[in-house]
Amino acid sequence: MKSIKGFLLLLVFTISCVSCEVRTAGNSGQIPPGQAKKIYGTQSAKPFAPGQNK
């Protein structure tokens, strides 16, 4: 009986860990343009915004 309870507890724990999903912002994990601007010390975030590149 103890082995069945242990197995069920392990199963529930495993399922709860596997079901967790880490989500990031879009752009495949890239940092937002405003943060990139701060890091690189530029005046404008325009070069870091994907929609603003020509």
PDB file of N, CA and C in Angstrom:
ATOM      1  N   MET A   1       0.824  -1.200   0.000  1.00  0.00           N
ATOM      2  CA  MET A   1       0.000   0.000   0.000  1.00  0.00           C
ATOM      3  C   MET A   1       0.864   1.258   0.000  1.00  0.00           C
ATOM      4  N   LYS A   2       2.002   1.214   0.727  1.00  0.00           N
ATOM      5  CA  LYS A   2       2.881   2.377   0.775  1.00  0.00           C
ATOM      6  C   LYS A   2       3.497   2.653  -0.599  1.00  0.00           C
ATOM      7  N   SER A   3       3.804   1.585  -1.316  1.00  0.00           N
ATOM      8  CA  SER A   3       4.428   1.784  -2.628  1.00  0.00           C
ATOM      9  C   SER A   3       3.442   2.416  -3.619  1.00  0.00           C
ATOM     10  N   ILE A   4       2.172   2.077  -3.488  1.00  0.00           N
ATOM     11  CA  ILE A   4       1.162   2.668  -4.372  1.00  0.00           C
ATOM     12  C   ILE A   4       1.004   4.159  -4.067  1.00  0.00           C
ATOM     13  N   LYS A   5       0.963   4.514  -2.786  1.00  0.00           N
ATOM     14  CA  LYS A   5       0.857   5.930  -2.405  1.00  0.00           C
ATOM     15  C   LYS A   5       2.098   6.703  -2.855  1.00  0.00           C
ATOM     16  N   GLY A   6       3.258   6.096  -2.689  1.00  0.00           N
ATOM     17  CA  GLY A   6       4.500   6.737  -3.121  1.00  0.00           C
ATOM     18  C   GLY A   6       4.532   6.945  -4.624  1.00  0.00           C
ATOM     19  N   PHE A   7       4.082   5.926  -5.344  1.00  0.00           N
ATOM     20  CA  PHE A   7       4.042   6.026  -6.799  1.00  0.00           C
ATOM     21  C   PHE A   7       3.085   7.113  -7.251  1.00  0.00           C
ATOM     22  N   LEU A   8       1.902   7.162  -6.638  1.00  0.00           N
ATOM     23  CA  LEU A   8       0.925   8.192  -7.000  1.00  0.00           C
ATOM     24  C   LEU A   8       1.444   9.585  -6.667  1.00  0.00           C
ATOM     25  N   LEU A   9       2.106   9.713  -5.524  1.00  0.00           N
ATOM     26  CA  LEU A   9       2.671  11.008  -5.150  1.00  0.00           C
ATOM     27  C   LEU A   9       3.748  11.434  -6.145  1.00  0.00           C
ATOM     28  N   LEU A  10       4.596  10.493  -6.523  1.00  0.00           N
ATOM     29  CA  LEU A  10       5.636  10.789  -7.511  1.00  0.00           C
ATOM     30  C   LEU A  10       5.018  11.149  -8.861  1.00  0.00           C
ATOM     31  N   LEU A  11       3.979  10.461  -9.249  1.00  0.00           N
ATOM     32  CA  LEU A  11       3.300  10.731 -10.517  1.00  0.00           C
ATOM     33  C   LEU A  11       2.682  12.126 -10.531  1.00  0.00           C
ATOM     34  N   VAL A  12       2.000  12.495  -9.451  1.00  0.00           N
ATOM     35  CA  VAL A  12       1.384  13.819  -9.365  1.00  0.00           C
ATOM     36  C   VAL A  12       2.460  14.902  -9.388  1.00  0.00           C
ATOM     37  N   PHE A  13       3.544  14.688  -8.657  1.00  0.00           N
ATOM     38  CA  PHE A  13       4.636  15.664  -8.643  1.00  0.00           C
ATOM     39  C   PHE A  13       5.254  15.827 -10.033  1.00  0.00           C
ATOM     40  N   THR A  14       5.479  14.707 -10.714  1.00  0.00           N
ATOM     41  CA  THR A  14       6.068  14.748 -12.057  1.00  0.00           C
ATOM     42  C   THR A  14       5.155  15.476 -13.039  1.00  0.00           C
ATOM     43  N   ILE A  15       3.878  15.182 -12.990  1.00  0.00           N
ATOM     44  CA  ILE A  15       2.927  15.832 -13.896  1.00  0.00           C
ATOM     45  C   ILE A  15       2.859  17.327 -13.619  1.00  0.00           C
ATOM     46  N   SER A  16       2.898  17.704 -12.343  1.00  0.00           N
ATOM     47  CA  SER A  16       2.825  19.131 -12.027  1.00  0.00           C
ATOM     48  C   SER A  16       4.079  19.870 -12.491  1.00  0.00           C
ATOM     49  N   CYS A  17       5.216  19.220 -12.433  1.00  0.00           N
ATOM     50  CA  CYS A  17       6.459  19.861 -12.895  1.00  0.00           C
ATOM     51  C   CYS A  17       6.508  19.946 -14.417  1.00  0.00           C
ATOM     52  N   VAL A  18       6.052  18.920 -15.086  1.00  0.00           N
ATOM     53  CA  VAL A  18       6.098  18.888 -16.547  1.00  0.00           C
ATOM     54  C   VAL A  18       5.110  19.879 -17.142  1.00  0.00           C
ATOM     55  N   SER A  19       4.000  20.108 -16.464  1.00  0.00           N
ATOM     56  CA  SER A  19       2.975  20.980 -17.017  1.00  0.00           C
ATOM     57  C   SER A  19       3.345  22.457 -16.911  1.00  0.00           C
ATOM     58  N   CYS A  20       4.372  22.783 -16.130  1.00  0.00           N
ATOM     59  CA  CYS A  20       4.801  24.177 -16.019  1.00  0.00           C
ATOM     60  C   CYS A  20       5.468  24.589 -17.327  1.00  0.00           C
ATOM     61  N   GLU A  21       5.104  25.740 -17.809  1.00  0.00           N
ATOM     62  CA  GLU A  21       5.653  26.219 -19.070  1.00  0.00           C
ATOM     63  C   GLU A  21       6.206  27.616 -18.850  1.00  0.00           C
ATOM     64  N   VAL A  22       7.434  27.803 -19.261  1.00  0.00           N
ATOM     65  CA  VAL A  22       8.049  29.108 -19.132  1.00  0.00           C
ATOM     66  C   VAL A  22       7.758  29.891 -20.397  1.00  0.00           C
ATOM     67  N   ARG A  23       7.181  31.060 -20.226  1.00  0.00           N
ATOM     68  CA  ARG A  23       6.847  31.890 -21.385  1.00  0.00           C
ATOM     69  C   ARG A  23       7.681  33.146 -21.361  1.00  0.00           C
ATOM     70  N   THR A  24       8.151  33.519 -22.515  1.00  0.00           N
ATOM     71  CA  THR A  24       8.908  34.751 -22.639  1.00  0.00           C
ATOM     72  C   THR A  24       8.146  35.693 -23.551  1.00  0.00           C
ATOM     73  N   ALA A  25       8.563  36.900 -23.572  1.00  0.00           N
ATOM     74  CA  ALA A  25       7.957  37.852 -24.495  1.00  0.00           C
ATOM     75  C   ALA A  25       8.285  37.413 -25.918  1.00  0.00           C
ATOM     76  N   GLY A  26       7.613  37.946 -26.883  1.00  0.00           N
ATOM     77  CA  GLY A  26       7.859  37.581 -28.272  1.00  0.00           C
ATOM     78  C   GLY A  26       9.282  37.885 -28.706  1.00  0.00           C
ATOM     79  N   ASN A  27       9.552  37.846 -29.938  1.00  0.00           N
ATOM     80  CA  ASN A  27      10.862  38.134 -30.528  1.00  0.00           C
ATOM     81  C   ASN A  27      11.913  37.119 -30.124  1.00  0.00           C
ATOM     82  N   SER A  28      11.521  35.887 -29.853  1.00  0.00           N
ATOM     83  CA  SER A  28      12.449  34.793 -29.560  1.00  0.00           C
ATOM     84  C   SER A  28      13.390  35.099 -28.398  1.00  0.00           C
ATOM     85  N   GLY A  29      12.897  35.736 -27.386  1.00  0.00           N
ATOM     86  CA  GLY A  29      13.705  35.976 -26.202  1.00  0.00           C
ATOM     87  C   GLY A  29      14.577  37.205 -26.274  1.00  0.00           C
ATOM     88  N   GLN A  30      14.438  38.023 -27.304  1.00  0.00           N
ATOM     89  CA  GLN A  30      15.223  39.242 -27.392  1.00  0.00           C
ATOM     90  C   GLN A  30      14.714  40.244 -26.369  1.00  0.00           C
ATOM     91  N   ILE A  31      15.573  41.180 -26.002  1.00  0.00           N
ATOM     92  CA  ILE A  31      15.160  42.206 -25.056  1.00  0.00           C
ATOM     93  C   ILE A  31      14.382  43.299 -25.781  1.00  0.00           C
ATOM     94  N   PRO A  32      13.507  44.002 -25.090  1.00  0.00           N
ATOM     95  CA  PRO A  32      12.737  45.072 -25.728  1.00  0.00           C
ATOM     96  C   PRO A  32      13.643  46.202 -26.233  1.00  0.00           C
ATOM     97  N   PRO A  33      13.204  46.928 -27.251  1.00  0.00           N
ATOM     98  CA  PRO A  33      14.038  47.993 -27.823  1.00  0.00           C
ATOM     99  C   PRO A  33      14.470  49.040 -26.797  1.00  0.00           C
ATOM    100  N   GLY A  34      13.582  49.381 -25.872  1.00  0.00           N
ATOM    101  CA  GLY A  34      13.936  50.389 -24.869  1.00  0.00           C
ATOM    102  C   GLY A  34      15.046  49.919 -23.948  1.00  0.00           C
ATOM    103  N   GLN A  35      15.034  48.633 -23.606  1.00  0.00           N
ATOM    104  CA  GLN A  35      16.090  48.094 -22.750  1.00  0.00           C
ATOM    105  C   GLN A  35      17.410  48.036 -23.513  1.00  0.00           C
ATOM    106  N   ALA A  36      17.370  47.663 -24.792  1.00  0.00           N
ATOM    107  CA  ALA A  36      18.587  47.619 -25.603  1.00  0.00           C
ATOM    108  C   ALA A  36      19.186  49.022 -25.718  1.00  0.00           C
ATOM    109  N   LYS A  37      18.329  50.015 -25.846  1.00  0.00           N
ATOM    110  CA  LYS A  37      18.783  51.402 -25.927  1.00  0.00           C
ATOM    111  C   LYS A  37      19.543  51.784 -24.660  1.00  0.00           C
ATOM    112  N   LYS A  38      19.007  51.399 -23.516  1.00  0.00           N
ATOM    113  CA  LYS A  38      19.662  51.712 -22.249  1.00  0.00           C
ATOM    114  C   LYS A  38      21.002  50.991 -22.118  1.00  0.00           C
ATOM    115  N   ILE A  39      21.043  49.727 -22.533  1.00  0.00           N
ATOM    116  CA  ILE A  39      22.267  48.940 -22.409  1.00  0.00           C
ATOM    117  C   ILE A  39      23.375  49.519 -23.283  1.00  0.00           C
ATOM    118  N   TYR A  40      23.036  49.838 -24.530  1.00  0.00           N
ATOM    119  CA  TYR A  40      24.050  50.317 -25.471  1.00  0.00           C
ATOM    120  C   TYR A  40      24.261  51.827 -25.415  1.00  0.00           C
ATOM    121  N   GLY A  41      23.434  52.533 -24.663  1.00  0.00           N
ATOM    122  CA  GLY A  41      23.630  53.966 -24.460  1.00  0.00           C
ATOM    123  C   GLY A  41      23.357  54.826 -25.677  1.00  0.00           C
ATOM    124  N   THR A  42      22.466  54.400 -26.544  1.00  0.00           N
ATOM    125  CA  THR A  42      22.157  55.209 -27.724  1.00  0.00           C
ATOM    126  C   THR A  42      21.033  56.185 -27.406  1.00  0.00           C
ATOM    127  N   GLN A  43      20.833  57.144 -28.279  1.00  0.00           N
ATOM    128  CA  GLN A  43      19.807  58.162 -28.074  1.00  0.00           C
ATOM    129  C   GLN A  43      18.413  57.667 -28.452  1.00  0.00           C
ATOM    130  N   SER A  44      18.334  56.725 -29.387  1.00  0.00           N
ATOM    131  CA  SER A  44      17.048  56.278 -29.899  1.00  0.00           C
ATOM    132  C   SER A  44      16.937  54.759 -29.844  1.00  0.00           C
ATOM    133  N   ALA A  45      15.732  54.273 -29.630  1.00  0.00           N
ATOM    134  CA  ALA A  45      15.486  52.830 -29.637  1.00  0.00           C
ATOM    135  C   ALA A  45      15.128  52.333 -31.035  1.00  0.00           C
ATOM    136  N   LYS A  46      15.050  53.247 -31.988  1.00  0.00           N
ATOM    137  CA  LYS A  46      14.606  52.899 -33.343  1.00  0.00           C
ATOM    138  C   LYS A  46      15.468  51.807 -33.991  1.00  0.00           C
ATOM    139  N   PRO A  47      16.784  51.828 -33.859  1.00  0.00           N
ATOM    140  CA  PRO A  47      17.574  50.763 -34.499  1.00  0.00           C
ATOM    141  C   PRO A  47      17.320  49.371 -33.910  1.00  0.00           C
ATOM    142  N   PHE A  48      16.803  49.297 -32.716  1.00  0.00           N
ATOM    143  CA  PHE A  48      16.586  48.018 -32.065  1.00  0.00           C
ATOM    144  C   PHE A  48      15.175  47.484 -32.279  1.00  0.00           C
ATOM    145  N   ALA A  49      14.285  48.297 -32.834  1.00  0.00           N
ATOM    146  CA  ALA A  49      12.914  47.867 -33.061  1.00  0.00           C
ATOM    147  C   ALA A  49      12.819  47.177 -34.415  1.00  0.00           C
ATOM    148  N   PRO A  50      12.355  45.909 -34.460  1.00  0.00           N
ATOM    149  CA  PRO A  50      12.333  45.168 -35.721  1.00  0.00           C
ATOM    150  C   PRO A  50      11.479  45.827 -36.801  1.00  0.00           C
ATOM    151  N   GLY A  51      10.413  46.489 -36.446  1.00  0.00           N
ATOM    152  CA  GLY A  51       9.550  47.119 -37.439  1.00  0.00           C
ATOM    153  C   GLY A  51      10.106  48.415 -37.989  1.00  0.00           C
ATOM    154  N   GLN A  52      11.159  48.918 -37.381  1.00  0.00           N
ATOM    155  CA  GLN A  52      11.726  50.194 -37.811  1.00  0.00           C
ATOM    156  C   GLN A  52      12.953  50.045 -38.695  1.00  0.00           C
ATOM    157  N   ASN A  53      13.419  48.824 -38.882  1.00  0.00           N
ATOM    158  CA  ASN A  53      14.605  48.608 -39.731  1.00  0.00           C
ATOM    159  C   ASN A  53      14.227  48.641 -41.190  1.00  0.00           C
ATOM    160  N   LYS A  54      15.064  49.297 -41.982  1.00  0.00           N
ATOM    161  CA  LYS A  54      14.808  49.387 -43.426  1.00  0.00           C
ATOM    162  C   LYS A  54      15.702  48.417 -44.155  1.00  0.00           C
TER     163      LYS A  54
END
